[in-house]
Amino acid sequence: MLSILKQAIIRTLRSVSAKTLHAPKQARREAIASAHLTDAEMTLIESAEIPAEHRYSVDEP
Protein backbone atom coordinates (compact mmCIF):
# COMPACT_ATOMS: atom_id res chain seq x y z
CA MET A 1 0.00 0.00 0.00
CA LEU A 2 2.77 2.43 0.91
CA SER A 3 4.49 1.70 -2.37
CA ILE A 4 1.39 2.62 -4.40
CA LEU A 5 0.96 5.83 -2.42
CA LYS A 6 4.64 6.66 -2.87
CA GLN A 7 4.37 6.12 -6.63
CA ALA A 8 1.31 8.37 -6.82
CA ILE A 9 3.10 11.12 -4.91
CA ILE A 10 6.15 10.85 -7.16
CA ARG A 11 3.95 11.07 -10.29
CA THR A 12 2.21 14.15 -8.88
CA LEU A 13 5.50 15.82 -8.00
CA ARG A 14 6.88 15.14 -11.46
CA SER A 15 3.78 16.63 -13.06
CA VAL A 16 3.85 19.74 -10.89
CA SER A 17 7.60 20.11 -11.34
CA ALA A 18 7.28 19.88 -15.12
CA LYS A 19 4.59 22.58 -15.16
CA THR A 20 6.66 24.80 -12.89
CA LEU A 21 9.73 24.28 -15.04
CA HIS A 22 7.96 25.12 -18.31
CA ALA A 23 6.03 28.20 -17.11
CA PRO A 24 9.03 30.61 -17.11
CA LYS A 25 10.17 29.26 -20.47
CA GLN A 26 6.73 29.94 -21.92
CA ALA A 27 6.73 33.47 -20.49
CA ARG A 28 10.12 34.17 -22.08
CA ARG A 29 8.82 32.98 -25.44
CA GLU A 30 5.88 35.39 -25.26
CA ALA A 31 7.98 38.41 -24.27
CA ILE A 32 9.80 40.44 -26.89
CA ALA A 33 12.15 43.38 -26.61
CA SER A 34 10.71 46.78 -27.43
CA ALA A 35 13.57 47.18 -29.92
CA HIS A 36 11.83 44.55 -32.06
CA LEU A 37 8.60 46.56 -32.28
CA THR A 38 7.82 48.72 -35.27
CA ASP A 39 7.19 52.46 -34.89
CA ALA A 40 3.50 51.81 -35.58
CA GLU A 41 3.34 49.21 -32.80
CA MET A 42 5.09 51.57 -30.37
CA THR A 43 2.62 54.32 -31.26
CA LEU A 44 -0.30 51.98 -30.57
CA ILE A 45 1.14 51.03 -27.19
CA GLU A 46 1.85 54.64 -26.24
CA SER A 47 -1.69 55.71 -27.16
CA ALA A 48 -3.41 52.81 -25.37
CA GLU A 49 -5.70 53.69 -22.48
CA ILE A 50 -6.98 51.57 -19.62
CA PRO A 51 -10.80 51.53 -19.47
CA ALA A 52 -12.09 53.42 -16.41
CA GLU A 53 -13.58 50.28 -14.86
CA HIS A 54 -10.14 48.60 -14.90
CA ARG A 55 -8.08 51.49 -13.57
CA TYR A 56 -6.64 51.32 -10.08
CA SER A 57 -4.15 53.07 -7.87
CA VAL A 58 -1.68 51.45 -5.51
CA ASP A 59 -2.60 54.18 -3.03
CA GLU A 60 -6.25 53.11 -2.88
CA PRO A 61 -7.24 50.39 -0.41
PDB file of N, CA and C in Angstrom:
ATOM      1  N   MET A   1       0.828  -1.206   0.000  1.00  0.00           N
ATOM      2  CA  MET A   1       0.000   0.000   0.000  1.00  0.00           C
ATOM      3  C   MET A   1       0.863   1.257   0.000  1.00  0.00           C
ATOM      4  N   LEU A   2       1.885   1.272   0.836  1.00  0.00           N
ATOM      5  CA  LEU A   2       2.774   2.426   0.906  1.00  0.00           C
ATOM      6  C   LEU A   2       3.464   2.649  -0.430  1.00  0.00           C
ATOM      7  N   SER A   3       3.823   1.600  -1.093  1.00  0.00           N
ATOM      8  CA  SER A   3       4.494   1.700  -2.375  1.00  0.00           C
ATOM      9  C   SER A   3       3.593   2.366  -3.417  1.00  0.00           C
ATOM     10  N   ILE A   4       2.329   2.024  -3.438  1.00  0.00           N
ATOM     11  CA  ILE A   4       1.389   2.619  -4.396  1.00  0.00           C
ATOM     12  C   ILE A   4       1.217   4.099  -4.093  1.00  0.00           C
ATOM     13  N   LEU A   5       1.095   4.434  -2.821  1.00  0.00           N
ATOM     14  CA  LEU A   5       0.962   5.831  -2.424  1.00  0.00           C
ATOM     15  C   LEU A   5       2.222   6.608  -2.791  1.00  0.00           C
ATOM     16  N   LYS A   6       3.364   6.025  -2.547  1.00  0.00           N
ATOM     17  CA  LYS A   6       4.641   6.657  -2.874  1.00  0.00           C
ATOM     18  C   LYS A   6       4.735   6.921  -4.379  1.00  0.00           C
ATOM     19  N   GLN A   7       4.329   5.963  -5.174  1.00  0.00           N
ATOM     20  CA  GLN A   7       4.371   6.125  -6.630  1.00  0.00           C
ATOM     21  C   GLN A   7       3.431   7.246  -7.084  1.00  0.00           C
ATOM     22  N   ALA A   8       2.273   7.319  -6.463  1.00  0.00           N
ATOM     23  CA  ALA A   8       1.310   8.368  -6.817  1.00  0.00           C
ATOM     24  C   ALA A   8       1.868   9.745  -6.475  1.00  0.00           C
ATOM     25  N   ILE A   9       2.505   9.846  -5.322  1.00  0.00           N
ATOM     26  CA  ILE A   9       3.096  11.119  -4.909  1.00  0.00           C
ATOM     27  C   ILE A   9       4.214  11.508  -5.859  1.00  0.00           C
ATOM     28  N   ILE A  10       5.037  10.567  -6.233  1.00  0.00           N
ATOM     29  CA  ILE A  10       6.146  10.849  -7.156  1.00  0.00           C
ATOM     30  C   ILE A  10       5.610  11.314  -8.509  1.00  0.00           C
ATOM     31  N   ARG A  11       4.553  10.655  -9.007  1.00  0.00           N
ATOM     32  CA  ARG A  11       3.954  11.073 -10.288  1.00  0.00           C
ATOM     33  C   ARG A  11       3.412  12.490 -10.193  1.00  0.00           C
ATOM     34  N   THR A  12       2.766  12.806  -9.078  1.00  0.00           N
ATOM     35  CA  THR A  12       2.212  14.150  -8.884  1.00  0.00           C
ATOM     36  C   THR A  12       3.327  15.186  -8.836  1.00  0.00           C
ATOM     37  N   LEU A  13       4.377  14.887  -8.095  1.00  0.00           N
ATOM     38  CA  LEU A  13       5.499  15.819  -8.004  1.00  0.00           C
ATOM     39  C   LEU A  13       6.150  16.046  -9.356  1.00  0.00           C
ATOM     40  N   ARG A  14       6.298  14.995 -10.121  1.00  0.00           N
ATOM     41  CA  ARG A  14       6.885  15.144 -11.461  1.00  0.00           C
ATOM     42  C   ARG A  14       6.020  16.036 -12.332  1.00  0.00           C
ATOM     43  N   SER A  15       4.705  15.841 -12.253  1.00  0.00           N
ATOM     44  CA  SER A  15       3.778  16.626 -13.061  1.00  0.00           C
ATOM     45  C   SER A  15       3.833  18.101 -12.664  1.00  0.00           C
ATOM     46  N   VAL A  16       3.792  18.370 -11.369  1.00  0.00           N
ATOM     47  CA  VAL A  16       3.849  19.744 -10.895  1.00  0.00           C
ATOM     48  C   VAL A  16       5.207  20.359 -11.234  1.00  0.00           C
ATOM     49  N   SER A  17       6.265  19.607 -11.040  1.00  0.00           N
ATOM     50  CA  SER A  17       7.603  20.109 -11.344  1.00  0.00           C
ATOM     51  C   SER A  17       7.743  20.459 -12.818  1.00  0.00           C
ATOM     52  N   ALA A  18       7.204  19.629 -13.680  1.00  0.00           N
ATOM     53  CA  ALA A  18       7.283  19.884 -15.122  1.00  0.00           C
ATOM     54  C   ALA A  18       6.541  21.169 -15.474  1.00  0.00           C
ATOM     55  N   LYS A  19       5.353  21.355 -14.895  1.00  0.00           N
ATOM     56  CA  LYS A  19       4.588  22.577 -15.165  1.00  0.00           C
ATOM     57  C   LYS A  19       5.343  23.800 -14.656  1.00  0.00           C
ATOM     58  N   THR A  20       5.905  23.695 -13.477  1.00  0.00           N
ATOM     59  CA  THR A  20       6.660  24.802 -12.889  1.00  0.00           C
ATOM     60  C   THR A  20       7.893  25.116 -13.725  1.00  0.00           C
ATOM     61  N   LEU A  21       8.536  24.099 -14.224  1.00  0.00           N
ATOM     62  CA  LEU A  21       9.726  24.279 -15.043  1.00  0.00           C
ATOM     63  C   LEU A  21       9.404  24.969 -16.359  1.00  0.00           C
ATOM     64  N   HIS A  22       8.294  24.602 -16.982  1.00  0.00           N
ATOM     65  CA  HIS A  22       7.965  25.121 -18.307  1.00  0.00           C
ATOM     66  C   HIS A  22       7.312  26.495 -18.283  1.00  0.00           C
ATOM     67  N   ALA A  23       6.713  26.897 -17.174  1.00  0.00           N
ATOM     68  CA  ALA A  23       6.030  28.196 -17.114  1.00  0.00           C
ATOM     69  C   ALA A  23       6.967  29.362 -17.417  1.00  0.00           C
ATOM     70  N   PRO A  24       8.141  29.480 -16.770  1.00  0.00           N
ATOM     71  CA  PRO A  24       9.029  30.609 -17.107  1.00  0.00           C
ATOM     72  C   PRO A  24       9.520  30.568 -18.555  1.00  0.00           C
ATOM     73  N   LYS A  25       9.743  29.368 -19.079  1.00  0.00           N
ATOM     74  CA  LYS A  25      10.172  29.258 -20.475  1.00  0.00           C
ATOM     75  C   LYS A  25       9.091  29.799 -21.402  1.00  0.00           C
ATOM     76  N   GLN A  26       7.848  29.470 -21.107  1.00  0.00           N
ATOM     77  CA  GLN A  26       6.733  29.940 -21.921  1.00  0.00           C
ATOM     78  C   GLN A  26       6.628  31.459 -21.840  1.00  0.00           C
ATOM     79  N   ALA A  27       6.803  32.013 -20.663  1.00  0.00           N
ATOM     80  CA  ALA A  27       6.730  33.472 -20.493  1.00  0.00           C
ATOM     81  C   ALA A  27       7.832  34.159 -21.300  1.00  0.00           C
ATOM     82  N   ARG A  28       9.025  33.579 -21.306  1.00  0.00           N
ATOM     83  CA  ARG A  28      10.118  34.172 -22.079  1.00  0.00           C
ATOM     84  C   ARG A  28       9.822  34.123 -23.572  1.00  0.00           C
ATOM     85  N   ARG A  29       9.153  33.084 -24.017  1.00  0.00           N
ATOM     86  CA  ARG A  29       8.818  32.983 -25.444  1.00  0.00           C
ATOM     87  C   ARG A  29       7.826  34.068 -25.850  1.00  0.00           C
ATOM     88  N   GLU A  30       6.924  34.423 -24.936  1.00  0.00           N
ATOM     89  CA  GLU A  30       5.884  35.385 -25.260  1.00  0.00           C
ATOM     90  C   GLU A  30       6.366  36.829 -25.153  1.00  0.00           C
ATOM     91  N   ALA A  31       7.456  37.052 -24.448  1.00  0.00           N
ATOM     92  CA  ALA A  31       7.977  38.413 -24.270  1.00  0.00           C
ATOM     93  C   ALA A  31       8.941  38.747 -25.402  1.00  0.00           C
ATOM     94  N   ILE A  32       8.854  39.986 -25.868  1.00  0.00           N
ATOM     95  CA  ILE A  32       9.797  40.438 -26.887  1.00  0.00           C
ATOM     96  C   ILE A  32      10.369  41.784 -26.450  1.00  0.00           C
ATOM     97  N   ALA A  33      11.520  42.099 -26.932  1.00  0.00           N
ATOM     98  CA  ALA A  33      12.155  43.377 -26.610  1.00  0.00           C
ATOM     99  C   ALA A  33      11.465  44.496 -27.387  1.00  0.00           C
ATOM    100  N   SER A  34      11.354  45.651 -26.756  1.00  0.00           N
ATOM    101  CA  SER A  34      10.713  46.778 -27.433  1.00  0.00           C
ATOM    102  C   SER A  34      11.490  47.189 -28.687  1.00  0.00           C
ATOM    103  N   ALA A  35      12.759  46.871 -28.735  1.00  0.00           N
ATOM    104  CA  ALA A  35      13.572  47.181 -29.916  1.00  0.00           C
ATOM    105  C   ALA A  35      13.072  46.427 -31.151  1.00  0.00           C
ATOM    106  N   HIS A  36      12.341  45.340 -30.946  1.00  0.00           N
ATOM    107  CA  HIS A  36      11.832  44.553 -32.064  1.00  0.00           C
ATOM    108  C   HIS A  36      10.458  45.024 -32.542  1.00  0.00           C
ATOM    109  N   LEU A  37       9.905  46.037 -31.876  1.00  0.00           N
ATOM    110  CA  LEU A  37       8.598  46.558 -32.282  1.00  0.00           C
ATOM    111  C   LEU A  37       8.769  47.627 -33.351  1.00  0.00           C
ATOM    112  N   THR A  38       7.796  47.685 -34.229  1.00  0.00           N
ATOM    113  CA  THR A  38       7.822  48.720 -35.269  1.00  0.00           C
ATOM    114  C   THR A  38       7.390  50.057 -34.658  1.00  0.00           C
ATOM    115  N   ASP A  39       7.631  51.135 -35.368  1.00  0.00           N
ATOM    116  CA  ASP A  39       7.190  52.458 -34.895  1.00  0.00           C
ATOM    117  C   ASP A  39       5.672  52.482 -34.740  1.00  0.00           C
ATOM    118  N   ALA A  40       4.966  51.846 -35.658  1.00  0.00           N
ATOM    119  CA  ALA A  40       3.502  51.810 -35.584  1.00  0.00           C
ATOM    120  C   ALA A  40       3.035  51.066 -34.328  1.00  0.00           C
ATOM    121  N   GLU A  41       3.696  49.959 -34.007  1.00  0.00           N
ATOM    122  CA  GLU A  41       3.342  49.208 -32.802  1.00  0.00           C
ATOM    123  C   GLU A  41       3.633  50.017 -31.537  1.00  0.00           C
ATOM    124  N   MET A  42       4.752  50.728 -31.515  1.00  0.00           N
ATOM    125  CA  MET A  42       5.086  51.571 -30.367  1.00  0.00           C
ATOM    126  C   MET A  42       4.061  52.692 -30.205  1.00  0.00           C
ATOM    127  N   THR A  43       3.634  53.266 -31.308  1.00  0.00           N
ATOM    128  CA  THR A  43       2.622  54.322 -31.261  1.00  0.00           C
ATOM    129  C   THR A  43       1.317  53.788 -30.690  1.00  0.00           C
ATOM    130  N   LEU A  44       0.919  52.596 -31.108  1.00  0.00           N
ATOM    131  CA  LEU A  44      -0.299  51.982 -30.566  1.00  0.00           C
ATOM    132  C   LEU A  44      -0.187  51.759 -29.059  1.00  0.00           C
ATOM    133  N   ILE A  45       0.943  51.279 -28.621  1.00  0.00           N
ATOM    134  CA  ILE A  45       1.144  51.027 -27.192  1.00  0.00           C
ATOM    135  C   ILE A  45       1.102  52.335 -26.410  1.00  0.00           C
ATOM    136  N   GLU A  46       1.792  53.345 -26.921  1.00  0.00           N
ATOM    137  CA  GLU A  46       1.850  54.641 -26.240  1.00  0.00           C
ATOM    138  C   GLU A  46       0.491  55.311 -26.162  1.00  0.00           C
ATOM    139  N   SER A  47      -0.372  55.059 -27.141  1.00  0.00           N
ATOM    140  CA  SER A  47      -1.690  55.708 -27.156  1.00  0.00           C
ATOM    141  C   SER A  47      -2.775  54.873 -26.469  1.00  0.00           C
ATOM    142  N   ALA A  48      -2.426  53.686 -26.021  1.00  0.00           N
ATOM    143  CA  ALA A  48      -3.405  52.811 -25.371  1.00  0.00           C
ATOM    144  C   ALA A  48      -3.873  53.403 -24.042  1.00  0.00           C
ATOM    145  N   GLU A  49      -5.135  53.212 -23.742  1.00  0.00           N
ATOM    146  CA  GLU A  49      -5.702  53.688 -22.480  1.00  0.00           C
ATOM    147  C   GLU A  49      -6.379  52.534 -21.756  1.00  0.00           C
ATOM    148  N   ILE A  50      -6.314  52.580 -20.448  1.00  0.00           N
ATOM    149  CA  ILE A  50      -6.981  51.565 -19.621  1.00  0.00           C
ATOM    150  C   ILE A  50      -8.420  52.013 -19.417  1.00  0.00           C
ATOM    151  N   PRO A  51      -9.400  51.150 -19.701  1.00  0.00           N
ATOM    152  CA  PRO A  51     -10.796  51.528 -19.468  1.00  0.00           C
ATOM    153  C   PRO A  51     -11.001  51.921 -17.998  1.00  0.00           C
ATOM    154  N   ALA A  52     -11.859  52.889 -17.757  1.00  0.00           N
ATOM    155  CA  ALA A  52     -12.089  53.423 -16.409  1.00  0.00           C
ATOM    156  C   ALA A  52     -12.413  52.324 -15.398  1.00  0.00           C
ATOM    157  N   GLU A  53     -13.181  51.339 -15.808  1.00  0.00           N
ATOM    158  CA  GLU A  53     -13.577  50.280 -14.859  1.00  0.00           C
ATOM    159  C   GLU A  53     -12.421  49.354 -14.482  1.00  0.00           C
ATOM    160  N   HIS A  54     -11.304  49.440 -15.197  1.00  0.00           N
ATOM    161  CA  HIS A  54     -10.142  48.598 -14.900  1.00  0.00           C
ATOM    162  C   HIS A  54      -8.971  49.374 -14.302  1.00  0.00           C
ATOM    163  N   ARG A  55      -9.156  50.676 -14.140  1.00  0.00           N
ATOM    164  CA  ARG A  55      -8.083  51.494 -13.568  1.00  0.00           C
ATOM    165  C   ARG A  55      -8.017  51.299 -12.062  1.00  0.00           C
ATOM    166  N   TYR A  56      -6.821  51.396 -11.524  1.00  0.00           N
ATOM    167  CA  TYR A  56      -6.642  51.318 -10.075  1.00  0.00           C
ATOM    168  C   TYR A  56      -5.409  52.107  -9.682  1.00  0.00           C
ATOM    169  N   SER A  57      -5.312  52.366  -8.408  1.00  0.00           N
ATOM    170  CA  SER A  57      -4.151  53.066  -7.875  1.00  0.00           C
ATOM    171  C   SER A  57      -3.591  52.249  -6.722  1.00  0.00           C
ATOM    172  N   VAL A  58      -2.282  52.200  -6.615  1.00  0.00           N
ATOM    173  CA  VAL A  58      -1.678  51.451  -5.506  1.00  0.00           C
ATOM    174  C   VAL A  58      -1.930  52.161  -4.185  1.00  0.00           C
ATOM    175  N   ASP A  59      -2.308  53.423  -4.252  1.00  0.00           N
ATOM    176  CA  ASP A  59      -2.597  54.179  -3.031  1.00  0.00           C
ATOM    177  C   ASP A  59      -3.989  53.916  -2.494  1.00  0.00           C
ATOM    178  N   GLU A  60      -4.882  53.394  -3.321  1.00  0.00           N
ATOM    179  CA  GLU A  60      -6.251  53.108  -2.883  1.00  0.00           C
ATOM    180  C   GLU A  60      -6.315  51.754  -2.180  1.00  0.00           C
ATOM    181  N   PRO A  61      -7.133  51.683  -1.121  1.00  0.00           N
ATOM    182  CA  PRO A  61      -7.237  50.386  -0.411  1.00  0.00           C
ATOM    183  C   PRO A  61      -7.955  49.329  -1.218  1.00  0.00           C
TER     184      PRO A  61
END
